[in-house]
Amino acid sequence: MVKAELSRTRQRTRTRLIESTLALMETRGFAAATLDDIAAYSGVTKGAIYSNYRSKGELLWDAARGKQLNLRPQLRPEASTDELAAALAHAVMALIPQAVREAEFHRELAAYVRTDPELQAREAAEQTALFDSWADQLEVAFGNRLAITARQMVLAVQAISRGFLAQAAVSPEEITEAVVTAAFKALVGGATGSGSSRQS
C-alpha cells in the first residue's frame, strides 16, 4: 500500500513537471526553460526534478512525447493497394490539425534536439524502434507483394508523411485527402509493381 501511494505521488509529480515544462517551453522556448524555472513554476524543488528525471533532456523529451506526430494507419492484411494507400493517407490527414496547430512547437523541438546529443540519441533510438515495428506491420499488410524491403517502404512512407505534415503548416489548403491518397497510391503501386522480387 505504501509503495502504491509513493507511485501515485511520483506520477502526480511527473504530471505536474510535464505540464509546467510544456507551459514554459511554449511561452519561453525550449532553451530558455531552465530546471530552476520549471521547479518554481511547478511548485517543487529542483531535487524533486532529479528524483524523477536524470537530466533536463530526459524531462524535455518526456514532456514533448505527448505532442509527437505518430502515424498510426490501420493496415489490413491482404488489402488491395488502393485500400493500403487510402489507409496511409487517412492516417496522415488525421494528424494535420495537430501539425498545423503545433507547428511552431515542433520547429522549436527539432532545433533544440540538434543542440543536445542526449536528445539526438533518444530520438534516433525511438525512430529505430518505430521503424522496426512499422516494418513488421508492413510485412503483414503487404505480404510478398513488396518489390522493396519493408524497411525501405517504412522510410518512404515516413518521408512522404513528414513532408505532407510540414507542408500543411505552410499551405494547409493544398494538402487534401485526394492529394495525399494519390501520392501513396503512386508509392504503393511502385513498391508492389514488380511482383515478389525484392531488393536488399
Protein backbone atom coordinates (compact mmCIF):
# COMPACT_ATOMS: atom_id res chain seq x y z
CA MET A 1 0.00 0.00 0.00
CA VAL A 2 2.84 2.39 0.85
CA LYS A 3 4.57 1.60 -2.45
CA ALA A 4 1.34 2.20 -4.36
CA GLU A 5 0.92 5.59 -2.66
CA LEU A 6 4.53 6.51 -3.43
CA SER A 7 3.95 5.52 -7.04
CA ARG A 8 0.83 7.72 -7.24
CA THR A 9 2.71 10.61 -5.65
CA ARG A 10 5.58 10.20 -8.09
CA GLN A 11 3.13 10.10 -11.01
CA ARG A 12 1.42 13.28 -9.79
CA THR A 13 4.80 14.99 -9.51
CA ARG A 14 5.80 13.86 -13.00
CA THR A 15 2.48 15.07 -14.42
CA ARG A 16 2.97 18.47 -12.77
CA LEU A 17 6.54 18.69 -14.07
CA ILE A 18 5.47 17.77 -17.61
CA GLU A 19 2.63 20.31 -17.60
CA SER A 20 4.94 23.03 -16.25
CA THR A 21 7.66 22.16 -18.74
CA LEU A 22 5.24 22.34 -21.67
CA ALA A 23 3.86 25.66 -20.47
CA LEU A 24 7.34 27.16 -20.16
CA MET A 25 8.52 25.72 -23.48
CA GLU A 26 5.53 27.22 -25.24
CA THR A 27 5.94 30.67 -23.68
CA ARG A 28 9.74 30.96 -23.46
CA GLY A 29 11.11 28.35 -25.85
CA PHE A 30 12.98 25.13 -25.19
CA ALA A 31 16.39 26.59 -24.41
CA ALA A 32 15.01 29.20 -22.02
CA ALA A 33 13.06 26.70 -19.93
CA THR A 34 15.62 26.07 -17.19
CA LEU A 35 15.26 23.47 -14.45
CA ASP A 36 15.11 26.26 -11.85
CA ASP A 37 12.21 27.84 -13.74
CA ILE A 38 10.44 24.51 -14.14
CA ALA A 39 10.81 23.75 -10.42
CA ALA A 40 9.47 27.18 -9.44
CA TYR A 41 6.60 27.02 -11.92
CA SER A 42 5.54 23.55 -10.81
CA GLY A 43 5.93 24.27 -7.10
CA VAL A 44 8.50 21.56 -6.41
CA THR A 45 12.18 21.58 -5.53
CA LYS A 46 14.92 21.09 -8.09
CA GLY A 47 15.78 17.94 -6.14
CA ALA A 48 12.29 16.62 -6.88
CA ILE A 49 13.03 17.01 -10.58
CA TYR A 50 16.24 14.99 -10.25
CA SER A 51 14.47 12.30 -8.27
CA ASN A 52 12.18 11.81 -11.28
CA TYR A 53 14.45 12.68 -14.21
CA ARG A 54 18.18 12.25 -14.71
CA SER A 55 18.56 15.39 -16.79
CA LYS A 56 16.80 18.33 -18.36
CA GLY A 57 16.93 16.49 -21.67
CA GLU A 58 15.06 13.50 -20.27
CA LEU A 59 12.35 15.77 -18.82
CA LEU A 60 12.02 17.76 -22.07
CA TRP A 61 11.74 14.58 -24.12
CA ASP A 62 9.11 13.13 -21.78
CA ALA A 63 7.13 16.37 -22.00
CA ALA A 64 7.41 16.54 -25.79
CA ARG A 65 6.40 12.88 -26.23
CA GLY A 66 2.72 13.71 -25.77
CA LYS A 67 2.89 16.08 -28.72
CA GLN A 68 4.65 13.74 -31.12
CA LEU A 69 3.08 13.28 -34.54
CA ASN A 70 2.88 9.49 -34.69
CA LEU A 71 1.36 7.96 -37.79
CA ARG A 72 -0.98 5.10 -36.88
CA PRO A 73 -2.62 3.71 -40.02
CA GLN A 74 -4.98 0.76 -39.84
CA LEU A 75 -3.31 -1.68 -42.24
CA ARG A 76 -5.48 -4.68 -43.05
CA PRO A 77 -3.61 -7.81 -44.17
CA GLU A 78 -4.09 -8.63 -47.85
CA ALA A 79 -5.86 -5.33 -48.53
CA SER A 80 -5.75 -4.03 -52.08
CA THR A 81 -3.07 -1.48 -52.95
CA ASP A 82 -5.77 1.21 -53.17
CA GLU A 83 -7.02 0.30 -49.68
CA LEU A 84 -3.49 0.42 -48.28
CA ALA A 85 -2.84 3.79 -49.88
CA ALA A 86 -6.13 5.12 -48.53
CA ALA A 87 -5.30 3.88 -45.00
CA LEU A 88 -1.93 5.65 -45.08
CA ALA A 89 -3.50 8.84 -46.41
CA HIS A 90 -6.26 8.76 -43.80
CA ALA A 91 -3.67 8.44 -41.02
CA VAL A 92 -1.74 11.45 -42.34
CA MET A 93 -4.89 13.55 -42.66
CA ALA A 94 -5.83 12.72 -39.06
CA LEU A 95 -2.57 14.32 -37.89
CA ILE A 96 -2.77 17.51 -39.96
CA PRO A 97 -4.85 19.59 -37.49
CA GLN A 98 -2.30 18.88 -34.74
CA ALA A 99 0.63 19.50 -37.11
CA VAL A 100 -0.78 22.90 -38.10
CA ARG A 101 -1.75 23.85 -34.55
CA GLU A 102 1.63 22.88 -33.07
CA ALA A 103 3.91 23.76 -35.99
CA GLU A 104 5.99 26.24 -34.00
CA PHE A 105 6.41 23.78 -31.14
CA HIS A 106 7.74 21.12 -33.49
CA ARG A 107 10.11 23.57 -35.19
CA GLU A 108 11.49 24.56 -31.79
CA LEU A 109 11.78 20.93 -30.71
CA ALA A 110 13.68 19.97 -33.87
CA ALA A 111 16.05 22.92 -33.46
CA TYR A 112 16.66 22.13 -29.80
CA VAL A 113 17.27 18.42 -30.42
CA ARG A 114 20.06 19.35 -32.85
CA THR A 115 21.88 21.08 -29.97
CA ASP A 116 21.54 18.24 -27.45
CA PRO A 117 23.42 14.94 -28.03
CA GLU A 118 21.30 13.15 -25.41
CA LEU A 119 18.08 14.07 -27.19
CA GLN A 120 19.59 13.18 -30.56
CA ALA A 121 20.37 9.70 -29.21
CA ARG A 122 16.87 9.36 -27.74
CA GLU A 123 15.25 10.42 -30.99
CA ALA A 124 17.40 8.03 -33.01
CA ALA A 125 16.58 5.12 -30.68
CA GLU A 126 12.85 5.83 -30.80
CA GLN A 127 12.92 6.18 -34.60
CA THR A 128 14.70 2.84 -34.90
CA ALA A 129 12.11 1.14 -32.68
CA LEU A 130 9.29 2.79 -34.62
CA PHE A 131 10.73 1.70 -37.96
CA ASP A 132 11.20 -1.87 -36.71
CA SER A 133 7.57 -2.01 -35.57
CA TRP A 134 6.36 -0.46 -38.82
CA ALA A 135 8.39 -2.87 -40.92
CA ASP A 136 6.73 -5.80 -39.13
CA GLN A 137 3.27 -4.32 -39.79
CA LEU A 138 4.05 -3.72 -43.45
CA GLU A 139 5.33 -7.28 -43.86
CA VAL A 140 1.96 -8.49 -42.60
CA ALA A 141 -0.06 -6.00 -44.66
CA PHE A 142 1.82 -6.40 -47.93
CA GLY A 143 2.98 -9.99 -47.63
CA ASN A 144 5.20 -10.90 -50.57
CA ARG A 145 3.84 -8.11 -52.75
CA LEU A 146 6.66 -5.66 -51.94
CA ALA A 147 9.37 -5.20 -54.55
CA ILE A 148 11.48 -3.38 -51.95
CA THR A 149 12.23 -4.29 -48.35
CA ALA A 150 9.68 -3.44 -45.69
CA ARG A 151 12.28 -1.17 -44.07
CA GLN A 152 12.71 0.79 -47.32
CA MET A 153 8.94 1.10 -47.54
CA VAL A 154 8.81 2.43 -43.98
CA LEU A 155 11.37 5.12 -44.78
CA ALA A 156 9.46 6.15 -47.89
CA VAL A 157 6.15 6.34 -46.01
CA GLN A 158 7.80 8.31 -43.20
CA ALA A 159 9.42 10.77 -45.62
CA ILE A 160 6.21 11.39 -47.53
CA SER A 161 4.18 11.72 -44.33
CA ARG A 162 6.59 14.19 -42.75
CA GLY A 163 6.66 16.19 -45.96
CA PHE A 164 2.88 16.49 -46.07
CA LEU A 165 2.67 17.41 -42.36
CA ALA A 166 5.33 20.10 -42.76
CA GLN A 167 3.69 21.45 -45.90
CA ALA A 168 0.29 21.52 -44.20
CA ALA A 169 1.67 24.05 -41.73
CA VAL A 170 2.57 26.31 -44.68
CA SER A 171 -0.31 25.77 -47.10
CA PRO A 172 -2.99 23.61 -45.46
CA GLU A 173 -5.49 24.23 -48.25
CA GLU A 174 -3.19 22.39 -50.67
CA ILE A 175 -2.98 19.20 -48.61
CA THR A 176 -6.24 17.41 -49.32
CA GLU A 177 -7.01 13.75 -48.76
CA ALA A 178 -7.18 13.28 -52.53
CA VAL A 179 -3.66 14.67 -52.96
CA VAL A 180 -2.23 12.57 -50.13
CA THR A 181 -4.02 9.44 -51.33
CA ALA A 182 -2.69 9.93 -54.86
CA ALA A 183 0.87 10.19 -53.54
CA PHE A 184 0.52 6.99 -51.53
CA LYS A 185 -1.12 5.19 -54.46
CA ALA A 186 1.93 6.05 -56.54
CA LEU A 187 4.26 4.80 -53.78
CA VAL A 188 2.33 1.61 -53.09
CA GLY A 189 1.89 0.92 -56.80
CA GLY A 190 5.61 1.35 -57.44
CA ALA A 191 6.59 -0.69 -54.39
CA THR A 192 4.40 -3.59 -55.44
CA GLY A 193 4.83 -3.27 -59.18
CA SER A 194 7.49 -5.92 -59.76
CA GLY A 195 5.83 -8.91 -58.10
CA SER A 196 7.66 -10.74 -55.36
CA SER A 197 11.24 -9.79 -56.28
CA ARG A 198 12.98 -7.83 -53.54
CA GLN A 199 15.97 -5.56 -53.38
CA SER A 200 18.41 -5.86 -50.50
